[in-house]
Amino acid sequence: MNTRGSLAAERVLCDTDDKAVFRSICHLCQNSKGAHTKSDHSSTLDLRLNEAKSRIVDLGQGEAFGFLGFDFRRVRSLRGRWRPQYTPKLTQRTALLEKLTERFRRYDSQPVGRVITEINPILRGWVNYFRIGNAARCLAYVRNWVEKKVRRHLMRARNRPGFGWKRWSTVGLYATLGLFQDYRVRYGART
């Protein structure tokens, strides 16, 4: 968005094999009728575009696009201003949960400590990649799902039904067993 407030700048996506290029229309490509083509943007940046994979998205018209595992769209903030929103794709979350389910099934008869040593690097990598933007709901969902799977694994080892909500505290799961717990969203660069 245009931070100066002079013109409502739209974002344009030029998707080249592994890059998304966001361009502010009001500053970089002054077309007389406002019609923009992919070739206009590629010539400005000296890029060769793959026409089959490239498209221009107008976020102002409610369009959205996916790129590198994120969904990008434009939404209204609580103050009524338009802002960009990028969240992890549901397909990415589903792929993570399927991978973790496979690990839990593979180590079903193993102690929970071994299961946790297997899933912690997977969780750490996925969360570190997707912890930017508007990912809090997605990360909370993953955290709750993993906690329930670990609780169920502990109860199965004791041949008992349920999740053991009264038997193990949430703090105990993370402190005693060493389950990954850093699910916070990070804004800006690390210091």
C-alpha atoms as a PDB file:
ATOM      1  CA  MET A   1       0.000   0.000   0.000  1.00  0.00           C
ATOM      2  CA  ASN A   2       1.073   3.554  -0.536  1.00  0.00           C
ATOM      3  CA  THR A   3       2.220   4.875   2.834  1.00  0.00           C
ATOM      4  CA  ARG A   4       2.127   8.508   1.711  1.00  0.00           C
ATOM      5  CA  GLY A   5      -1.624   8.385   1.156  1.00  0.00           C
ATOM      6  CA  SER A   6      -1.502  10.307  -2.145  1.00  0.00           C
ATOM      7  CA  LEU A   7      -2.756   7.487  -4.342  1.00  0.00           C
ATOM      8  CA  ALA A   8      -4.147   4.087  -3.473  1.00  0.00           C
ATOM      9  CA  ALA A   9      -1.365   1.969  -4.860  1.00  0.00           C
ATOM     10  CA  GLU A  10      -2.154  -1.512  -5.981  1.00  0.00           C
ATOM     11  CA  ARG A  11       0.299  -4.368  -5.941  1.00  0.00           C
ATOM     12  CA  VAL A  12       1.148  -6.270  -9.077  1.00  0.00           C
ATOM     13  CA  LEU A  13       2.584  -9.749  -9.070  1.00  0.00           C
ATOM     14  CA  CYS A  14       4.917 -10.859 -11.763  1.00  0.00           C
ATOM     15  CA  ASP A  15       5.661 -14.493 -10.980  1.00  0.00           C
ATOM     16  CA  THR A  16       8.940 -15.607 -12.508  1.00  0.00           C
ATOM     17  CA  ASP A  17       9.862 -19.234 -11.802  1.00  0.00           C
ATOM     18  CA  ASP A  18      10.785 -18.663  -8.139  1.00  0.00           C
ATOM     19  CA  LYS A  19      10.244 -14.955  -7.530  1.00  0.00           C
ATOM     20  CA  ALA A  20       7.296 -12.706  -6.856  1.00  0.00           C
ATOM     21  CA  VAL A  21       7.867  -9.094  -7.776  1.00  0.00           C
ATOM     22  CA  PHE A  22       5.563  -6.582  -6.141  1.00  0.00           C
ATOM     23  CA  ARG A  23       5.302  -3.328  -7.972  1.00  0.00           C
ATOM     24  CA  SER A  24       3.505  -0.176  -6.971  1.00  0.00           C
ATOM     25  CA  ILE A  25       1.520   0.893 -10.028  1.00  0.00           C
ATOM     26  CA  CYS A  26       1.295   4.596  -9.179  1.00  0.00           C
ATOM     27  CA  HIS A  27       5.068   5.044  -8.866  1.00  0.00           C
ATOM     28  CA  LEU A  28       6.740   2.649 -11.277  1.00  0.00           C
ATOM     29  CA  CYS A  29       4.547   2.080 -14.305  1.00  0.00           C
ATOM     30  CA  GLN A  30       2.465   5.053 -15.369  1.00  0.00           C
ATOM     31  CA  ASN A  31       0.242   3.683 -18.079  1.00  0.00           C
ATOM     32  CA  SER A  32      -2.132   6.249 -19.588  1.00  0.00           C
ATOM     33  CA  LYS A  33      -5.284   4.117 -19.336  1.00  0.00           C
ATOM     34  CA  GLY A  34      -4.332   2.171 -16.233  1.00  0.00           C
ATOM     35  CA  ALA A  35      -4.155  -1.080 -18.206  1.00  0.00           C
ATOM     36  CA  HIS A  36      -1.079  -3.075 -17.318  1.00  0.00           C
ATOM     37  CA  THR A  37       0.355  -6.034 -19.106  1.00  0.00           C
ATOM     38  CA  LYS A  38       2.940  -8.575 -18.053  1.00  0.00           C
ATOM     39  CA  SER A  39       5.321  -7.350 -20.725  1.00  0.00           C
ATOM     40  CA  ASP A  40       5.203  -3.796 -19.297  1.00  0.00           C
ATOM     41  CA  HIS A  41       6.591  -5.023 -15.997  1.00  0.00           C
ATOM     42  CA  SER A  42       9.107  -7.476 -17.408  1.00  0.00           C
ATOM     43  CA  SER A  43      10.726  -4.884 -19.667  1.00  0.00           C
ATOM     44  CA  THR A  44      11.109  -2.463 -16.764  1.00  0.00           C
ATOM     45  CA  LEU A  45      12.929  -5.074 -14.661  1.00  0.00           C
ATOM     46  CA  ASP A  46      14.764  -6.782 -17.564  1.00  0.00           C
ATOM     47  CA  LEU A  47      13.171 -10.160 -16.775  1.00  0.00           C
ATOM     48  CA  ARG A  48      12.119 -13.030 -19.002  1.00  0.00           C
ATOM     49  CA  LEU A  49       8.690 -14.194 -17.889  1.00  0.00           C
ATOM     50  CA  ASN A  50       7.149 -17.592 -18.308  1.00  0.00           C
ATOM     51  CA  GLU A  51       3.779 -16.620 -19.774  1.00  0.00           C
ATOM     52  CA  ALA A  52       2.104 -19.822 -18.599  1.00  0.00           C
ATOM     53  CA  LYS A  53       3.047 -19.190 -14.959  1.00  0.00           C
ATOM     54  CA  SER A  54       2.812 -15.396 -14.886  1.00  0.00           C
ATOM     55  CA  ARG A  55      -0.249 -13.365 -14.139  1.00  0.00           C
ATOM     56  CA  ILE A  56      -1.181  -9.946 -12.843  1.00  0.00           C
ATOM     57  CA  VAL A  57      -3.304  -9.922  -9.712  1.00  0.00           C
ATOM     58  CA  ASP A  58      -5.366  -6.934  -8.637  1.00  0.00           C
ATOM     59  CA  LEU A  59      -5.698  -7.203  -4.874  1.00  0.00           C
ATOM     60  CA  GLY A  60      -8.032  -4.205  -4.902  1.00  0.00           C
ATOM     61  CA  GLN A  61     -10.647  -6.296  -6.722  1.00  0.00           C
ATOM     62  CA  GLY A  62     -10.595  -9.021  -4.078  1.00  0.00           C
ATOM     63  CA  GLU A  63      -8.250 -11.310  -5.942  1.00  0.00           C
ATOM     64  CA  ALA A  64      -5.675 -13.378  -4.053  1.00  0.00           C
ATOM     65  CA  PHE A  65      -2.703 -15.497  -4.969  1.00  0.00           C
ATOM     66  CA  GLY A  66      -0.528 -18.174  -3.454  1.00  0.00           C
ATOM     67  CA  PHE A  67       3.233 -18.012  -3.456  1.00  0.00           C
ATOM     68  CA  LEU A  68       5.890 -20.055  -1.605  1.00  0.00           C
ATOM     69  CA  GLY A  69       3.323 -21.678   0.678  1.00  0.00           C
ATOM     70  CA  PHE A  70       1.509 -18.461   1.630  1.00  0.00           C
ATOM     71  CA  ASP A  71      -1.854 -17.017   0.582  1.00  0.00           C
ATOM     72  CA  PHE A  72      -1.673 -13.284  -0.147  1.00  0.00           C
ATOM     73  CA  ARG A  73      -4.772 -11.094  -0.069  1.00  0.00           C
ATOM     74  CA  ARG A  74      -5.945  -7.629   0.904  1.00  0.00           C
ATOM     75  CA  VAL A  75      -8.248  -7.224   3.917  1.00  0.00           C
ATOM     76  CA  ARG A  76      -9.580  -4.420   6.083  1.00  0.00           C
ATOM     77  CA  SER A  77      -7.888  -3.891   9.427  1.00  0.00           C
ATOM     78  CA  LEU A  78      -9.822  -3.314  12.633  1.00  0.00           C
ATOM     79  CA  ARG A  79      -9.361   0.427  12.073  1.00  0.00           C
ATOM     80  CA  GLY A  80     -10.939   0.199   8.618  1.00  0.00           C
ATOM     81  CA  ARG A  81      -7.756   0.587   6.574  1.00  0.00           C
ATOM     82  CA  TRP A  82      -6.788  -1.805   3.817  1.00  0.00           C
ATOM     83  CA  ARG A  83      -3.742  -3.941   4.591  1.00  0.00           C
ATOM     84  CA  PRO A  84      -2.009  -6.962   3.070  1.00  0.00           C
ATOM     85  CA  GLN A  85      -2.543 -10.299   4.754  1.00  0.00           C
ATOM     86  CA  TYR A  86      -0.450 -13.390   4.202  1.00  0.00           C
ATOM     87  CA  THR A  87      -1.178 -16.665   5.894  1.00  0.00           C
ATOM     88  CA  PRO A  88       0.172 -20.211   5.492  1.00  0.00           C
ATOM     89  CA  LYS A  89      -1.777 -22.223   2.942  1.00  0.00           C
ATOM     90  CA  LEU A  90      -4.034 -24.941   4.297  1.00  0.00           C
ATOM     91  CA  THR A  91      -2.330 -27.427   1.991  1.00  0.00           C
ATOM     92  CA  GLN A  92       0.978 -26.693   3.716  1.00  0.00           C
ATOM     93  CA  ARG A  93      -0.549 -27.230   7.148  1.00  0.00           C
ATOM     94  CA  THR A  94      -2.195 -30.454   5.990  1.00  0.00           C
ATOM     95  CA  ALA A  95       1.112 -31.719   4.577  1.00  0.00           C
ATOM     96  CA  LEU A  96       2.806 -31.032   7.930  1.00  0.00           C
ATOM     97  CA  LEU A  97       0.093 -32.857   9.874  1.00  0.00           C
ATOM     98  CA  GLU A  98       0.279 -35.838   7.513  1.00  0.00           C
ATOM     99  CA  LYS A  99       4.052 -36.004   7.968  1.00  0.00           C
ATOM    100  CA  LEU A 100       3.683 -35.859  11.762  1.00  0.00           C
ATOM    101  CA  THR A 101       0.905 -38.474  11.714  1.00  0.00           C
ATOM    102  CA  GLU A 102       3.224 -40.799   9.812  1.00  0.00           C
ATOM    103  CA  ARG A 103       5.922 -40.286  12.465  1.00  0.00           C
ATOM    104  CA  PHE A 104       3.488 -40.977  15.293  1.00  0.00           C
ATOM    105  CA  ARG A 105       2.326 -44.171  13.566  1.00  0.00           C
ATOM    106  CA  ARG A 106       5.858 -45.334  12.839  1.00  0.00           C
ATOM    107  CA  TYR A 107       6.934 -44.907  16.468  1.00  0.00           C
ATOM    108  CA  ASP A 108       3.668 -46.088  18.025  1.00  0.00           C
ATOM    109  CA  SER A 109       5.350 -48.687  20.239  1.00  0.00           C
ATOM    110  CA  GLN A 110       8.330 -46.479  21.108  1.00  0.00           C
ATOM    111  CA  PRO A 111       8.695 -44.293  24.211  1.00  0.00           C
ATOM    112  CA  VAL A 112       7.331 -40.774  23.881  1.00  0.00           C
ATOM    113  CA  GLY A 113      10.834 -39.297  24.233  1.00  0.00           C
ATOM    114  CA  ARG A 114      11.895 -40.913  20.977  1.00  0.00           C
ATOM    115  CA  VAL A 115       8.785 -39.672  19.205  1.00  0.00           C
ATOM    116  CA  ILE A 116       9.456 -36.140  20.422  1.00  0.00           C
ATOM    117  CA  THR A 117      13.072 -36.234  19.218  1.00  0.00           C
ATOM    118  CA  GLU A 118      11.718 -37.217  15.774  1.00  0.00           C
ATOM    119  CA  ILE A 119       9.002 -34.559  15.511  1.00  0.00           C
ATOM    120  CA  ASN A 120      10.796 -31.589  17.121  1.00  0.00           C
ATOM    121  CA  PRO A 121      13.095 -30.823  14.125  1.00  0.00           C
ATOM    122  CA  ILE A 122      10.146 -31.072  11.733  1.00  0.00           C
ATOM    123  CA  LEU A 123       8.053 -28.715  13.855  1.00  0.00           C
ATOM    124  CA  ARG A 124      10.927 -26.288  14.404  1.00  0.00           C
ATOM    125  CA  GLY A 125      11.640 -25.983  10.681  1.00  0.00           C
ATOM    126  CA  TRP A 126       8.007 -25.609   9.640  1.00  0.00           C
ATOM    127  CA  VAL A 127       7.177 -23.077  12.345  1.00  0.00           C
ATOM    128  CA  ASN A 128      10.307 -20.998  11.683  1.00  0.00           C
ATOM    129  CA  TYR A 129       9.377 -20.760   7.990  1.00  0.00           C
ATOM    130  CA  PHE A 130       5.687 -19.918   8.525  1.00  0.00           C
ATOM    131  CA  ARG A 131       5.892 -17.758  11.670  1.00  0.00           C
ATOM    132  CA  ILE A 132       5.698 -14.469   9.771  1.00  0.00           C
ATOM    133  CA  GLY A 133       2.615 -12.561   8.747  1.00  0.00           C
ATOM    134  CA  ASN A 134      -0.792 -13.563  10.018  1.00  0.00           C
ATOM    135  CA  ALA A 135       0.035 -17.104  11.086  1.00  0.00           C
ATOM    136  CA  ALA A 136      -1.099 -17.080  14.738  1.00  0.00           C
ATOM    137  CA  ARG A 137      -4.285 -19.109  14.159  1.00  0.00           C
ATOM    138  CA  CYS A 138      -2.489 -21.675  12.049  1.00  0.00           C
ATOM    139  CA  LEU A 139       0.336 -22.042  14.582  1.00  0.00           C
ATOM    140  CA  ALA A 140      -2.166 -22.388  17.446  1.00  0.00           C
ATOM    141  CA  TYR A 141      -3.955 -25.132  15.524  1.00  0.00           C
ATOM    142  CA  VAL A 142      -0.692 -27.024  14.953  1.00  0.00           C
ATOM    143  CA  ARG A 143       0.319 -26.628  18.604  1.00  0.00           C
ATOM    144  CA  ASN A 144      -3.017 -27.992  19.877  1.00  0.00           C
ATOM    145  CA  TRP A 145      -2.941 -30.857  17.393  1.00  0.00           C
ATOM    146  CA  VAL A 146       0.606 -31.900  18.364  1.00  0.00           C
ATOM    147  CA  GLU A 147      -0.192 -31.650  22.077  1.00  0.00           C
ATOM    148  CA  LYS A 148      -3.218 -33.927  21.672  1.00  0.00           C
ATOM    149  CA  LYS A 149      -1.192 -36.472  19.685  1.00  0.00           C
ATOM    150  CA  VAL A 150       1.527 -36.569  22.366  1.00  0.00           C
ATOM    151  CA  ARG A 151      -1.077 -36.908  25.135  1.00  0.00           C
ATOM    152  CA  ARG A 152      -2.799 -39.724  23.248  1.00  0.00           C
ATOM    153  CA  HIS A 153       0.556 -41.468  22.736  1.00  0.00           C
ATOM    154  CA  LEU A 154       1.241 -41.296  26.474  1.00  0.00           C
ATOM    155  CA  MET A 155      -2.194 -42.717  27.328  1.00  0.00           C
ATOM    156  CA  ARG A 156      -1.900 -45.541  24.782  1.00  0.00           C
ATOM    157  CA  ALA A 157       1.392 -46.547  26.373  1.00  0.00           C
ATOM    158  CA  ARG A 158      -0.559 -47.044  29.611  1.00  0.00           C
ATOM    159  CA  ASN A 159      -3.497 -48.832  27.904  1.00  0.00           C
ATOM    160  CA  ARG A 160      -5.924 -46.120  28.959  1.00  0.00           C
ATOM    161  CA  PRO A 161      -8.550 -44.189  27.020  1.00  0.00           C
ATOM    162  CA  GLY A 162      -8.601 -40.409  26.658  1.00  0.00           C
ATOM    163  CA  PHE A 163      -5.926 -37.744  26.515  1.00  0.00           C
ATOM    164  CA  GLY A 164      -4.762 -37.533  30.123  1.00  0.00           C
ATOM    165  CA  TRP A 165      -5.885 -33.960  30.743  1.00  0.00           C
ATOM    166  CA  LYS A 166      -5.882 -34.525  34.517  1.00  0.00           C
ATOM    167  CA  ARG A 167      -2.767 -36.679  34.552  1.00  0.00           C
ATOM    168  CA  TRP A 168      -0.324 -34.326  32.756  1.00  0.00           C
ATOM    169  CA  SER A 169      -0.303 -30.565  32.783  1.00  0.00           C
ATOM    170  CA  THR A 170       0.451 -28.676  29.595  1.00  0.00           C
ATOM    171  CA  VAL A 171       3.488 -27.067  31.218  1.00  0.00           C
ATOM    172  CA  GLY A 172       4.743 -30.519  32.177  1.00  0.00           C
ATOM    173  CA  LEU A 173       4.535 -31.755  28.603  1.00  0.00           C
ATOM    174  CA  TYR A 174       6.760 -28.960  27.368  1.00  0.00           C
ATOM    175  CA  ALA A 175       9.147 -28.704  30.342  1.00  0.00           C
ATOM    176  CA  THR A 176       9.593 -32.381  31.225  1.00  0.00           C
ATOM    177  CA  LEU A 177       9.356 -34.055  27.826  1.00  0.00           C
ATOM    178  CA  GLY A 178      11.075 -31.306  25.814  1.00  0.00           C
ATOM    179  CA  LEU A 179       8.304 -30.862  23.257  1.00  0.00           C
ATOM    180  CA  PHE A 180       8.860 -27.932  20.865  1.00  0.00           C
ATOM    181  CA  GLN A 181       7.029 -24.882  22.216  1.00  0.00           C
ATOM    182  CA  ASP A 182       8.118 -21.730  20.357  1.00  0.00           C
ATOM    183  CA  TYR A 183       4.991 -21.083  18.277  1.00  0.00           C
ATOM    184  CA  ARG A 184       5.102 -17.269  18.469  1.00  0.00           C
ATOM    185  CA  VAL A 185       4.722 -15.128  15.381  1.00  0.00           C
ATOM    186  CA  ARG A 186       7.732 -12.883  14.787  1.00  0.00           C
ATOM    187  CA  TYR A 187       7.332  -9.440  13.286  1.00  0.00           C
ATOM    188  CA  GLY A 188      10.312  -7.753  11.682  1.00  0.00           C
ATOM    189  CA  ALA A 189      13.923  -8.879  11.786  1.00  0.00           C
ATOM    190  CA  ARG A 190      15.427 -10.739  14.690  1.00  0.00           C
ATOM    191  CA  THR A 191      17.698  -8.764  16.954  1.00  0.00           C
END
